[in-house]
Amino acid sequence: MRIRPCVLFDFDGTLFDTAPGIMHCMRDALASCGYDPGGEESLRRFVGPPVLDALREFYGMDGAESERVKQVYRAAYRSRGVYECAPMPGAEACLRDLRAAGVRLAVATSKPQFFAEEIARRFRFDGYFEAVCGALEDARSAKAEIVARALRELDISPADAVMVGDRKYDVYGAAANGVPCIGIRAGCTPEGELEEAGAVAVADDFAALRALLLGERPLPQ
């Protein structure tokens, strides 16, 4: 695969370690709504997918019940969870080098857009991106739809883009738009998930990712 001139980055677990805030708030929301939140491994599953989809998949909730739990979770995340995060090690250096090389950058995340924008501004990451595309509403939070919107906002074709993400949802959402995905392993990435989902390559850290994106390490053909 040739080097692509535009890179779309996932947010949670890829650019930022947002797991502490997501896990703490989801644990409290589930418990307060009468559910067993489980341990750390159970809660890590919520880092990546849209909240409603995750509640339905992991707990079998119907629409009304998942909405009830989501509202409790979002209130907690808005008040404290959004502050429990930090950039992933090496992320900013990688973004800086990509921009210096003329690569166009954008965020494509199922996270509510205002949360992604707030965190990016707080850590001064916003200047690296031409667009931050997140969920504008829960009904439009699927990764495939977000990636499609990012392509439109940047006015680029799938042939000119590559996705970077840490979960299978990133791989599937990119593939639905004809965009290849490079996986990056993070603390919330289940073993083998990225490879099984069809990532074209998997990086262990941002140094390895940078080498792939800048052509210093060849991508699979």
Foldseek 3Di string as FASTA:
>chain_A
DDFFQEEAEEDDQTFKPLLVLQLVLLCVLQVVLPHHCDDDLSSLVCGADQQLVCCCVSPVDDDVVSVSSVVSSVVSCVVPSLVPMDTFPPNVVLLVVSVVVNRAYEYQYLPQQVSRVVSCVVVVNVVSHPYYFYDVDSVQSQSLSSVVVVCVVVVHALVRYAYEEAALSRQVSSVVRVHAYEYEHGPSRPPPGCVVSPHQYYHPGSVRVSCDNVVVDDTDD
